[in-house]
Each structure stands twice: as structure tokens, then as C-alpha cells.
Amino acid sequence: MSAADLRRAVHAEWTKLRTDTGHAWLWPGLVAVTASVSAAVAATTRCPDVGCGQDPVRLSLTGVTLGQTIAAVVAVLVLGNEYGTGLVHTTLAAIPRRTTVLVAKAAVVSGTVCAAGTLAVLASALAGRRLLPGNGFTPAHGCAALSLTDGPTLRAVAGSVIYLVLVALLALGVVAAVRDAAVAMGVVLGLLYLFPLLSHVVTDPQLRRHLAQIGPMSAGLAVQATTDLRHLPIGPWAGLGVLALWAAGALLVGGTLLRFRDA
């Protein structure tokens, strides 16, 4: 894969994404859904006493759990629509190296989700900074105001953006493997939500902890935690690493199938 071929492929994928009006609502949708859900949670959660047990940073970023669905939709449609319309044959005729096609799509998806995700997460953090103090999240109750100059807060904010990008890459790998947008979304949502659901059903604490450690969503969202880190099933960056492994595995499987089977 030469640099020139990759640049040409990225430019082609960016042009397709930019000119496809069907994707136009997804970027503001990602920002609006993430920020509005986060603001709603921040506006309705109370901390009436000292040590109320709430993590104000994590509360402010709650909307990421819903915004990830839109990030996954973006990635699925980037390739799933081409399989649905047959455009994939044109794409592969123009760029015969299929690995280059997938890498280019991954680059475009990562860049666009990162941009929209940054706006969404910053808006969520700003909403939390404005709304939470009025609900008792004050220094008097042991809760400092949200600030990006605080190391754990910055890690949670930056990690949430990375989380959205990794979910999108996971979805891209899945759709490359299954070649159907609807099936791919079902698989991605199943992977994200299955482990948390099982954790609520399982009664064994040790098994519940293991499920939280290996699930892409439960592990990945640990990066948002800023309080009581010792009691987390998995550390913040380690949890994000688990999600990165899921995304890498999906891209590896999807890329291998894309390369060796007929389009």
C-alpha cells in the first residue's frame, strides 16, 4: 500500500461521505443526542449531602452511552450502504487493493467521529459544569467544579472521544465482515449491551466483575471514572485498551474477509 494510493483512497472516501446527504443528520445528531442526554442527567441528579457517592464527571458524560449508537451507525453506513446499493463493486474497481479501501474508510470514519465526538463531549462537560453545582455538587459536598485543567477530568473527556472513535471502528470491522448494514448494527449493539445485561442477571460477584472487564462498553466506559478508582472492575486506560482490542479484532476479521472473498 503506497502513500499515494492511500491518499487517493482517503480523498475518495471523504468525497463520498461529504456529498452523501443521507449522512448529513448524523454529525449534528451525535452532538445533540450526547449533549442533551448528558445535560438532562446533570439537571436531574442531586447530591444533597457530603459524600453522596456520585461521580460528577461521569454523570456529565452519560450521553456518550447513547451517542455511541450514532457513531456506530456512521461507520456501518459508510460500507453497508455500498454493499446494499452495489456501489462497492465500483469502489473496488477504482481501488483494487481492498486493504487500502478499508484503511481509507477507517481513517475517514475516525476523523469525522473524532471531530463530532469532541464537540459532543465538550458540550456535555460544559453542561455538567453549569448544571451540577445547582444540584448540590459543590466543594462543600466534596465535589470540585468540572475543569479540563484537572487531570482525571481531562482523561475522562479525552477518553470519551477516543471511546466513540473505537466504537465506530468496531462497527466498521463488523460491517466489513457481515456485509449488511442491518445485521451489522444488530451485532454491534449486541456486543455493546450484552455484557452489561448479563452483569445484571449474574449473581456471582466474581463473574460479574469479569464480565465488566471484558465487555467492550463496560470496560471502555471505565475511562470516564474519576472517583473511587480502586473499586473499579478495570482501570480507566486498561478498560479503553479492552475496547481497542475489540475494535482491532473486528477490523482484522472484517479486513481478512474483505480481502479474500468476492465482493
C-alpha atoms as a PDB file:
ATOM      1  CA  MET A   1       0.000   0.000   0.000  1.00  0.00           C
ATOM      2  CA  SER A   2       1.707   3.180  -1.170  1.00  0.00           C
ATOM      3  CA  ALA A   3       1.170   6.565   0.450  1.00  0.00           C
ATOM      4  CA  ALA A   4      -0.133   7.974  -2.838  1.00  0.00           C
ATOM      5  CA  ASP A   5      -2.724   5.203  -3.175  1.00  0.00           C
ATOM      6  CA  LEU A   6      -3.853   5.724   0.405  1.00  0.00           C
ATOM      7  CA  ARG A   7      -4.160   9.497  -0.062  1.00  0.00           C
ATOM      8  CA  ARG A   8      -6.237   8.977  -3.190  1.00  0.00           C
ATOM      9  CA  ALA A   9      -8.443   6.446  -1.405  1.00  0.00           C
ATOM     10  CA  VAL A  10      -8.943   8.715   1.626  1.00  0.00           C
ATOM     11  CA  HIS A  11      -9.839  11.628  -0.645  1.00  0.00           C
ATOM     12  CA  ALA A  12     -12.360   9.460  -2.481  1.00  0.00           C
ATOM     13  CA  GLU A  13     -13.936   8.217   0.751  1.00  0.00           C
ATOM     14  CA  TRP A  14     -14.108  11.734   2.182  1.00  0.00           C
ATOM     15  CA  THR A  15     -15.765  12.989  -1.007  1.00  0.00           C
ATOM     16  CA  LYS A  16     -18.364  10.205  -0.862  1.00  0.00           C
ATOM     17  CA  LEU A  17     -19.110  10.863   2.806  1.00  0.00           C
ATOM     18  CA  ARG A  18     -19.261  14.637   2.366  1.00  0.00           C
ATOM     19  CA  THR A  19     -21.605  14.508  -0.625  1.00  0.00           C
ATOM     20  CA  ASP A  20     -23.941  11.807   0.713  1.00  0.00           C
ATOM     21  CA  THR A  21     -26.915  13.773   2.056  1.00  0.00           C
ATOM     22  CA  GLY A  22     -28.109  10.685   3.908  1.00  0.00           C
ATOM     23  CA  HIS A  23     -25.254  11.158   6.376  1.00  0.00           C
ATOM     24  CA  ALA A  24     -25.824  14.875   6.907  1.00  0.00           C
ATOM     25  CA  TRP A  25     -28.005  14.492  10.007  1.00  0.00           C
ATOM     26  CA  LEU A  26     -25.645  12.103  11.768  1.00  0.00           C
ATOM     27  CA  TRP A  27     -22.966  14.606  12.801  1.00  0.00           C
ATOM     28  CA  PRO A  28     -25.283  17.169  14.463  1.00  0.00           C
ATOM     29  CA  GLY A  29     -27.315  14.224  15.733  1.00  0.00           C
ATOM     30  CA  LEU A  30     -24.289  12.783  17.525  1.00  0.00           C
ATOM     31  CA  VAL A  31     -23.567  16.128  19.154  1.00  0.00           C
ATOM     32  CA  ALA A  32     -27.187  16.914  20.022  1.00  0.00           C
ATOM     33  CA  VAL A  33     -28.070  13.489  21.441  1.00  0.00           C
ATOM     34  CA  THR A  34     -24.901  13.161  23.509  1.00  0.00           C
ATOM     35  CA  ALA A  35     -25.058  16.684  24.911  1.00  0.00           C
ATOM     36  CA  SER A  36     -28.813  16.706  25.574  1.00  0.00           C
ATOM     37  CA  VAL A  37     -28.804  13.364  27.420  1.00  0.00           C
ATOM     38  CA  SER A  38     -25.807  14.467  29.474  1.00  0.00           C
ATOM     39  CA  ALA A  39     -27.479  17.784  30.294  1.00  0.00           C
ATOM     40  CA  ALA A  40     -30.711  16.030  31.291  1.00  0.00           C
ATOM     41  CA  VAL A  41     -28.859  13.719  33.668  1.00  0.00           C
ATOM     42  CA  ALA A  42     -26.870  16.616  35.136  1.00  0.00           C
ATOM     43  CA  ALA A  43     -30.055  18.631  35.619  1.00  0.00           C
ATOM     44  CA  THR A  44     -31.931  15.878  37.437  1.00  0.00           C
ATOM     45  CA  THR A  45     -29.251  14.247  39.639  1.00  0.00           C
ATOM     46  CA  ARG A  46     -28.894  15.506  43.210  1.00  0.00           C
ATOM     47  CA  CYS A  47     -26.050  15.423  45.709  1.00  0.00           C
ATOM     48  CA  PRO A  48     -27.743  16.534  48.933  1.00  0.00           C
ATOM     49  CA  ASP A  49     -25.014  15.585  51.387  1.00  0.00           C
ATOM     50  CA  VAL A  50     -21.265  15.240  51.754  1.00  0.00           C
ATOM     51  CA  GLY A  51     -20.047  12.037  50.158  1.00  0.00           C
ATOM     52  CA  CYS A  52     -23.190  11.343  48.140  1.00  0.00           C
ATOM     53  CA  GLY A  53     -21.312   8.685  46.171  1.00  0.00           C
ATOM     54  CA  GLN A  54     -21.776  10.249  42.718  1.00  0.00           C
ATOM     55  CA  ASP A  55     -19.009  10.874  40.196  1.00  0.00           C
ATOM     56  CA  PRO A  56     -19.825  14.326  38.739  1.00  0.00           C
ATOM     57  CA  VAL A  57     -17.554  13.899  35.716  1.00  0.00           C
ATOM     58  CA  ARG A  58     -19.042  10.545  34.784  1.00  0.00           C
ATOM     59  CA  LEU A  59     -22.558  11.929  35.253  1.00  0.00           C
ATOM     60  CA  SER A  60     -21.729  14.785  32.889  1.00  0.00           C
ATOM     61  CA  LEU A  61     -20.638  12.335  30.211  1.00  0.00           C
ATOM     62  CA  THR A  62     -23.623   9.965  30.466  1.00  0.00           C
ATOM     63  CA  GLY A  63     -24.811  10.928  26.976  1.00  0.00           C
ATOM     64  CA  VAL A  64     -21.863   9.077  25.437  1.00  0.00           C
ATOM     65  CA  THR A  65     -23.696   5.799  26.140  1.00  0.00           C
ATOM     66  CA  LEU A  66     -26.400   6.873  23.677  1.00  0.00           C
ATOM     67  CA  GLY A  67     -24.194   8.870  21.317  1.00  0.00           C
ATOM     68  CA  GLN A  68     -22.141   5.741  20.651  1.00  0.00           C
ATOM     69  CA  THR A  69     -25.102   4.315  18.746  1.00  0.00           C
ATOM     70  CA  ILE A  70     -24.937   7.157  16.230  1.00  0.00           C
ATOM     71  CA  ALA A  71     -21.158   6.752  15.947  1.00  0.00           C
ATOM     72  CA  ALA A  72     -21.748   3.085  15.117  1.00  0.00           C
ATOM     73  CA  VAL A  73     -24.419   3.996  12.552  1.00  0.00           C
ATOM     74  CA  VAL A  74     -21.952   6.330  10.817  1.00  0.00           C
ATOM     75  CA  ALA A  75     -19.399   3.552  10.424  1.00  0.00           C
ATOM     76  CA  VAL A  76     -21.926   0.925   9.373  1.00  0.00           C
ATOM     77  CA  LEU A  77     -23.429   3.133   6.668  1.00  0.00           C
ATOM     78  CA  VAL A  78     -20.026   4.061   5.232  1.00  0.00           C
ATOM     79  CA  LEU A  79     -19.580   0.495   3.987  1.00  0.00           C
ATOM     80  CA  GLY A  80     -23.000  -1.096   4.486  1.00  0.00           C
ATOM     81  CA  ASN A  81     -24.694   1.302   2.051  1.00  0.00           C
ATOM     82  CA  GLU A  82     -22.172   0.378  -0.635  1.00  0.00           C
ATOM     83  CA  TYR A  83     -22.988  -3.294  -0.255  1.00  0.00           C
ATOM     84  CA  GLY A  84     -26.701  -2.508  -0.289  1.00  0.00           C
ATOM     85  CA  THR A  85     -26.547  -0.455  -3.493  1.00  0.00           C
ATOM     86  CA  GLY A  86     -23.793  -2.373  -5.267  1.00  0.00           C
ATOM     87  CA  LEU A  87     -21.510   0.673  -5.228  1.00  0.00           C
ATOM     88  CA  VAL A  88     -18.877  -1.475  -3.549  1.00  0.00           C
ATOM     89  CA  HIS A  89     -18.078  -3.004  -6.950  1.00  0.00           C
ATOM     90  CA  THR A  90     -17.257   0.454  -8.323  1.00  0.00           C
ATOM     91  CA  THR A  91     -15.171   1.260  -5.258  1.00  0.00           C
ATOM     92  CA  LEU A  92     -13.158  -1.946  -5.559  1.00  0.00           C
ATOM     93  CA  ALA A  93     -12.720  -1.465  -9.308  1.00  0.00           C
ATOM     94  CA  ALA A  94     -11.309   2.021  -8.732  1.00  0.00           C
ATOM     95  CA  ILE A  95      -9.099   0.881  -5.833  1.00  0.00           C
ATOM     96  CA  PRO A  96      -8.328  -2.830  -6.314  1.00  0.00           C
ATOM     97  CA  ARG A  97      -6.309  -3.164  -3.095  1.00  0.00           C
ATOM     98  CA  ARG A  98      -9.084  -3.926  -0.629  1.00  0.00           C
ATOM     99  CA  THR A  99      -6.917  -3.321   2.412  1.00  0.00           C
ATOM    100  CA  THR A 100      -6.365   0.226   1.166  1.00  0.00           C
ATOM    101  CA  VAL A 101     -10.125   0.718   0.861  1.00  0.00           C
ATOM    102  CA  LEU A 102     -10.747  -0.412   4.443  1.00  0.00           C
ATOM    103  CA  VAL A 103      -7.879   1.666   5.832  1.00  0.00           C
ATOM    104  CA  ALA A 104      -9.176   4.730   3.972  1.00  0.00           C
ATOM    105  CA  LYS A 105     -12.691   4.200   5.306  1.00  0.00           C
ATOM    106  CA  ALA A 106     -11.298   3.722   8.820  1.00  0.00           C
ATOM    107  CA  ALA A 107      -9.340   6.981   8.531  1.00  0.00           C
ATOM    108  CA  VAL A 108     -12.358   8.960   7.345  1.00  0.00           C
ATOM    109  CA  VAL A 109     -14.661   7.432   9.958  1.00  0.00           C
ATOM    110  CA  SER A 110     -12.117   8.059  12.725  1.00  0.00           C
ATOM    111  CA  GLY A 111     -11.578  11.678  11.730  1.00  0.00           C
ATOM    112  CA  THR A 112     -15.230  12.595  11.394  1.00  0.00           C
ATOM    113  CA  VAL A 113     -16.353  10.784  14.548  1.00  0.00           C
ATOM    114  CA  CYS A 114     -13.444  12.337  16.445  1.00  0.00           C
ATOM    115  CA  ALA A 115     -14.489  15.840  15.347  1.00  0.00           C
ATOM    116  CA  ALA A 116     -18.177  15.352  16.152  1.00  0.00           C
ATOM    117  CA  GLY A 117     -17.353  13.431  19.326  1.00  0.00           C
ATOM    118  CA  THR A 118     -15.089  16.204  20.582  1.00  0.00           C
ATOM    119  CA  LEU A 119     -17.881  18.765  20.209  1.00  0.00           C
ATOM    120  CA  ALA A 120     -20.361  16.397  21.851  1.00  0.00           C
ATOM    121  CA  VAL A 121     -18.152  15.561  24.826  1.00  0.00           C
ATOM    122  CA  LEU A 122     -17.070  19.164  25.411  1.00  0.00           C
ATOM    123  CA  ALA A 123     -20.710  20.298  25.295  1.00  0.00           C
ATOM    124  CA  SER A 124     -21.581  17.577  27.811  1.00  0.00           C
ATOM    125  CA  ALA A 125     -18.783  18.615  30.143  1.00  0.00           C
ATOM    126  CA  LEU A 126     -19.840  22.256  29.872  1.00  0.00           C
ATOM    127  CA  ALA A 127     -23.435  21.330  30.698  1.00  0.00           C
ATOM    128  CA  GLY A 128     -22.235  19.422  33.750  1.00  0.00           C
ATOM    129  CA  ARG A 129     -20.087  22.335  34.882  1.00  0.00           C
ATOM    130  CA  ARG A 130     -23.059  24.701  34.646  1.00  0.00           C
ATOM    131  CA  LEU A 131     -25.839  22.448  35.998  1.00  0.00           C
ATOM    132  CA  LEU A 132     -24.329  20.198  38.658  1.00  0.00           C
ATOM    133  CA  PRO A 133     -23.402  22.884  41.230  1.00  0.00           C
ATOM    134  CA  GLY A 134     -27.063  23.889  41.433  1.00  0.00           C
ATOM    135  CA  ASN A 135     -27.920  20.309  42.434  1.00  0.00           C
ATOM    136  CA  GLY A 136     -25.519  20.077  45.335  1.00  0.00           C
ATOM    137  CA  PHE A 137     -22.332  19.078  43.520  1.00  0.00           C
ATOM    138  CA  THR A 138     -20.311  21.753  45.277  1.00  0.00           C
ATOM    139  CA  PRO A 139     -16.960  21.904  47.095  1.00  0.00           C
ATOM    140  CA  ALA A 140     -18.923  21.911  50.361  1.00  0.00           C
ATOM    141  CA  HIS A 141     -20.180  18.438  49.455  1.00  0.00           C
ATOM    142  CA  GLY A 142     -16.762  17.279  48.310  1.00  0.00           C
ATOM    143  CA  CYS A 143     -17.299  17.903  44.578  1.00  0.00           C
ATOM    144  CA  ALA A 144     -14.994  20.320  42.792  1.00  0.00           C
ATOM    145  CA  ALA A 145     -16.227  22.175  39.718  1.00  0.00           C
ATOM    146  CA  LEU A 146     -15.502  20.372  36.447  1.00  0.00           C
ATOM    147  CA  SER A 147     -12.338  21.695  34.816  1.00  0.00           C
ATOM    148  CA  LEU A 148     -10.171  20.415  31.992  1.00  0.00           C
ATOM    149  CA  THR A 149      -7.132  21.508  33.973  1.00  0.00           C
ATOM    150  CA  ASP A 150      -7.891  18.661  36.362  1.00  0.00           C
ATOM    151  CA  GLY A 151      -6.017  15.531  35.248  1.00  0.00           C
ATOM    152  CA  PRO A 152      -8.742  12.905  35.856  1.00  0.00           C
ATOM    153  CA  THR A 153     -11.384  15.138  34.245  1.00  0.00           C
ATOM    154  CA  LEU A 154      -9.227  15.706  31.161  1.00  0.00           C
ATOM    155  CA  ARG A 155      -8.591  11.963  30.941  1.00  0.00           C
ATOM    156  CA  ALA A 156     -12.317  11.236  31.151  1.00  0.00           C
ATOM    157  CA  VAL A 157     -13.155  13.811  28.466  1.00  0.00           C
ATOM    158  CA  ALA A 158     -10.381  12.791  26.063  1.00  0.00           C
ATOM    159  CA  GLY A 159     -11.048   9.124  26.748  1.00  0.00           C
ATOM    160  CA  SER A 160     -14.738   9.553  25.921  1.00  0.00           C
ATOM    161  CA  VAL A 161     -13.833  10.929  22.492  1.00  0.00           C
ATOM    162  CA  ILE A 162     -11.461   8.020  21.907  1.00  0.00           C
ATOM    163  CA  TYR A 163     -14.209   5.669  23.085  1.00  0.00           C
ATOM    164  CA  LEU A 164     -16.597   6.958  20.397  1.00  0.00           C
ATOM    165  CA  VAL A 165     -13.924   6.545  17.718  1.00  0.00           C
ATOM    166  CA  LEU A 166     -13.187   2.981  18.824  1.00  0.00           C
ATOM    167  CA  VAL A 167     -16.888   2.066  18.793  1.00  0.00           C
ATOM    168  CA  ALA A 168     -17.093   3.384  15.233  1.00  0.00           C
ATOM    169  CA  LEU A 169     -14.056   1.315  14.197  1.00  0.00           C
ATOM    170  CA  LEU A 170     -15.587  -1.749  15.854  1.00  0.00           C
ATOM    171  CA  ALA A 171     -18.739  -1.175  13.803  1.00  0.00           C
ATOM    172  CA  LEU A 172     -16.718  -0.725  10.602  1.00  0.00           C
ATOM    173  CA  GLY A 173     -14.967  -4.037  11.168  1.00  0.00           C
ATOM    174  CA  VAL A 174     -18.258  -5.796  11.831  1.00  0.00           C
ATOM    175  CA  VAL A 175     -19.957  -4.457   8.691  1.00  0.00           C
ATOM    176  CA  ALA A 176     -16.918  -5.419   6.607  1.00  0.00           C
ATOM    177  CA  ALA A 177     -17.360  -8.963   7.919  1.00  0.00           C
ATOM    178  CA  VAL A 178     -21.148  -9.342   7.565  1.00  0.00           C
ATOM    179  CA  ARG A 179     -21.709  -7.023   4.543  1.00  0.00           C
ATOM    180  CA  ASP A 180     -25.200  -5.999   5.639  1.00  0.00           C
ATOM    181  CA  ALA A 181     -25.968  -2.739   7.465  1.00  0.00           C
ATOM    182  CA  ALA A 182     -28.940  -4.012   9.476  1.00  0.00           C
ATOM    183  CA  VAL A 183     -27.193  -7.194  10.575  1.00  0.00           C
ATOM    184  CA  ALA A 184     -24.036  -5.248  11.426  1.00  0.00           C
ATOM    185  CA  MET A 185     -25.947  -2.826  13.668  1.00  0.00           C
ATOM    186  CA  GLY A 186     -27.569  -5.755  15.440  1.00  0.00           C
ATOM    187  CA  VAL A 187     -24.190  -7.384  16.042  1.00  0.00           C
ATOM    188  CA  VAL A 188     -22.581  -4.150  17.256  1.00  0.00           C
ATOM    189  CA  LEU A 189     -25.412  -3.304  19.642  1.00  0.00           C
ATOM    190  CA  GLY A 190     -25.375  -6.880  20.873  1.00  0.00           C
ATOM    191  CA  LEU A 191     -21.655  -6.702  21.610  1.00  0.00           C
ATOM    192  CA  LEU A 192     -22.011  -3.363  23.382  1.00  0.00           C
ATOM    193  CA  TYR A 193     -25.037  -4.118  25.539  1.00  0.00           C
ATOM    194  CA  LEU A 194     -24.854  -7.892  26.058  1.00  0.00           C
ATOM    195  CA  PHE A 195     -22.193  -7.793  28.768  1.00  0.00           C
ATOM    196  CA  PRO A 196     -23.893  -5.095  30.899  1.00  0.00           C
ATOM    197  CA  LEU A 197     -27.184  -7.005  30.634  1.00  0.00           C
ATOM    198  CA  LEU A 198     -25.520 -10.236  31.679  1.00  0.00           C
ATOM    199  CA  SER A 199     -23.916  -8.415  34.611  1.00  0.00           C
ATOM    200  CA  HIS A 200     -27.382  -7.544  35.893  1.00  0.00           C
ATOM    201  CA  VAL A 201     -28.541 -11.140  35.587  1.00  0.00           C
ATOM    202  CA  VAL A 202     -25.489 -12.919  37.003  1.00  0.00           C
ATOM    203  CA  THR A 203     -25.442 -13.213  40.786  1.00  0.00           C
ATOM    204  CA  ASP A 204     -21.837 -14.329  41.269  1.00  0.00           C
ATOM    205  CA  PRO A 205     -19.798 -11.171  42.091  1.00  0.00           C
ATOM    206  CA  GLN A 206     -16.594 -12.575  40.621  1.00  0.00           C
ATOM    207  CA  LEU A 207     -18.249 -13.484  37.319  1.00  0.00           C
ATOM    208  CA  ARG A 208     -19.975 -10.111  37.213  1.00  0.00           C
ATOM    209  CA  ARG A 209     -16.594  -8.444  37.641  1.00  0.00           C
ATOM    210  CA  HIS A 210     -15.081 -10.497  34.811  1.00  0.00           C
ATOM    211  CA  LEU A 211     -17.970  -9.574  32.515  1.00  0.00           C
ATOM    212  CA  ALA A 212     -17.344  -5.890  33.254  1.00  0.00           C
ATOM    213  CA  GLN A 213     -13.664  -6.379  32.471  1.00  0.00           C
ATOM    214  CA  ILE A 214     -14.130  -7.962  29.047  1.00  0.00           C
ATOM    215  CA  GLY A 215     -17.238  -6.208  27.704  1.00  0.00           C
ATOM    216  CA  PRO A 216     -16.390  -3.529  25.126  1.00  0.00           C
ATOM    217  CA  MET A 217     -18.802  -0.968  26.587  1.00  0.00           C
ATOM    218  CA  SER A 218     -18.472  -1.727  30.290  1.00  0.00           C
ATOM    219  CA  ALA A 219     -14.683  -1.829  30.091  1.00  0.00           C
ATOM    220  CA  GLY A 220     -14.333   1.094  27.694  1.00  0.00           C
ATOM    221  CA  LEU A 221     -16.511   3.468  29.713  1.00  0.00           C
ATOM    222  CA  ALA A 222     -14.295   2.950  32.758  1.00  0.00           C
ATOM    223  CA  VAL A 223     -12.188   5.736  31.260  1.00  0.00           C
ATOM    224  CA  GLN A 224     -14.879   8.186  32.421  1.00  0.00           C
ATOM    225  CA  ALA A 225     -14.465   7.372  36.105  1.00  0.00           C
ATOM    226  CA  THR A 226     -12.716   9.942  38.288  1.00  0.00           C
ATOM    227  CA  THR A 227     -13.672   8.775  41.803  1.00  0.00           C
ATOM    228  CA  ASP A 228     -13.285   5.538  43.767  1.00  0.00           C
ATOM    229  CA  LEU A 229     -10.966   4.103  41.120  1.00  0.00           C
ATOM    230  CA  ARG A 230      -9.731   1.332  43.420  1.00  0.00           C
ATOM    231  CA  HIS A 231     -13.109  -0.367  43.322  1.00  0.00           C
ATOM    232  CA  LEU A 232     -13.484  -0.358  39.541  1.00  0.00           C
ATOM    233  CA  PRO A 233     -13.506  -3.788  37.859  1.00  0.00           C
ATOM    234  CA  ILE A 234     -10.823  -2.476  35.494  1.00  0.00           C
ATOM    235  CA  GLY A 235      -8.679   0.662  35.345  1.00  0.00           C
ATOM    236  CA  PRO A 236      -9.649   3.580  33.087  1.00  0.00           C
ATOM    237  CA  TRP A 237      -6.937   3.209  30.441  1.00  0.00           C
ATOM    238  CA  ALA A 238      -6.895  -0.582  30.680  1.00  0.00           C
ATOM    239  CA  GLY A 239     -10.644  -0.596  30.031  1.00  0.00           C
ATOM    240  CA  LEU A 240     -10.198   1.576  26.970  1.00  0.00           C
ATOM    241  CA  GLY A 241      -7.499  -0.846  25.862  1.00  0.00           C
ATOM    242  CA  VAL A 242     -10.025  -3.700  26.025  1.00  0.00           C
ATOM    243  CA  LEU A 243     -12.317  -1.788  23.663  1.00  0.00           C
ATOM    244  CA  ALA A 244      -9.346  -1.107  21.378  1.00  0.00           C
ATOM    245  CA  LEU A 245      -8.696  -4.861  21.220  1.00  0.00           C
ATOM    246  CA  TRP A 246     -12.339  -5.493  20.276  1.00  0.00           C
ATOM    247  CA  ALA A 247     -12.096  -2.869  17.524  1.00  0.00           C
ATOM    248  CA  ALA A 248      -8.775  -4.224  16.253  1.00  0.00           C
ATOM    249  CA  GLY A 249     -10.132  -7.768  16.232  1.00  0.00           C
ATOM    250  CA  ALA A 250     -13.239  -6.726  14.303  1.00  0.00           C
ATOM    251  CA  LEU A 251     -11.159  -4.823  11.743  1.00  0.00           C
ATOM    252  CA  LEU A 252      -8.786  -7.765  11.369  1.00  0.00           C
ATOM    253  CA  VAL A 253     -11.620 -10.225  10.744  1.00  0.00           C
ATOM    254  CA  GLY A 254     -13.508  -7.803   8.504  1.00  0.00           C
ATOM    255  CA  GLY A 255     -10.396  -6.867   6.559  1.00  0.00           C
ATOM    256  CA  THR A 256      -9.415 -10.510   6.048  1.00  0.00           C
ATOM    257  CA  LEU A 257     -12.879 -11.443   4.761  1.00  0.00           C
ATOM    258  CA  LEU A 258     -12.992  -8.344   2.554  1.00  0.00           C
ATOM    259  CA  ARG A 259      -9.648  -9.248   1.045  1.00  0.00           C
ATOM    260  CA  PHE A 260     -10.182 -12.933   0.304  1.00  0.00           C
ATOM    261  CA  ARG A 261     -13.828 -13.305  -0.683  1.00  0.00           C
ATOM    262  CA  ASP A 262     -15.838 -11.971  -3.585  1.00  0.00           C
ATOM    263  CA  ALA A 263     -17.468  -8.589  -3.088  1.00  0.00           C
END
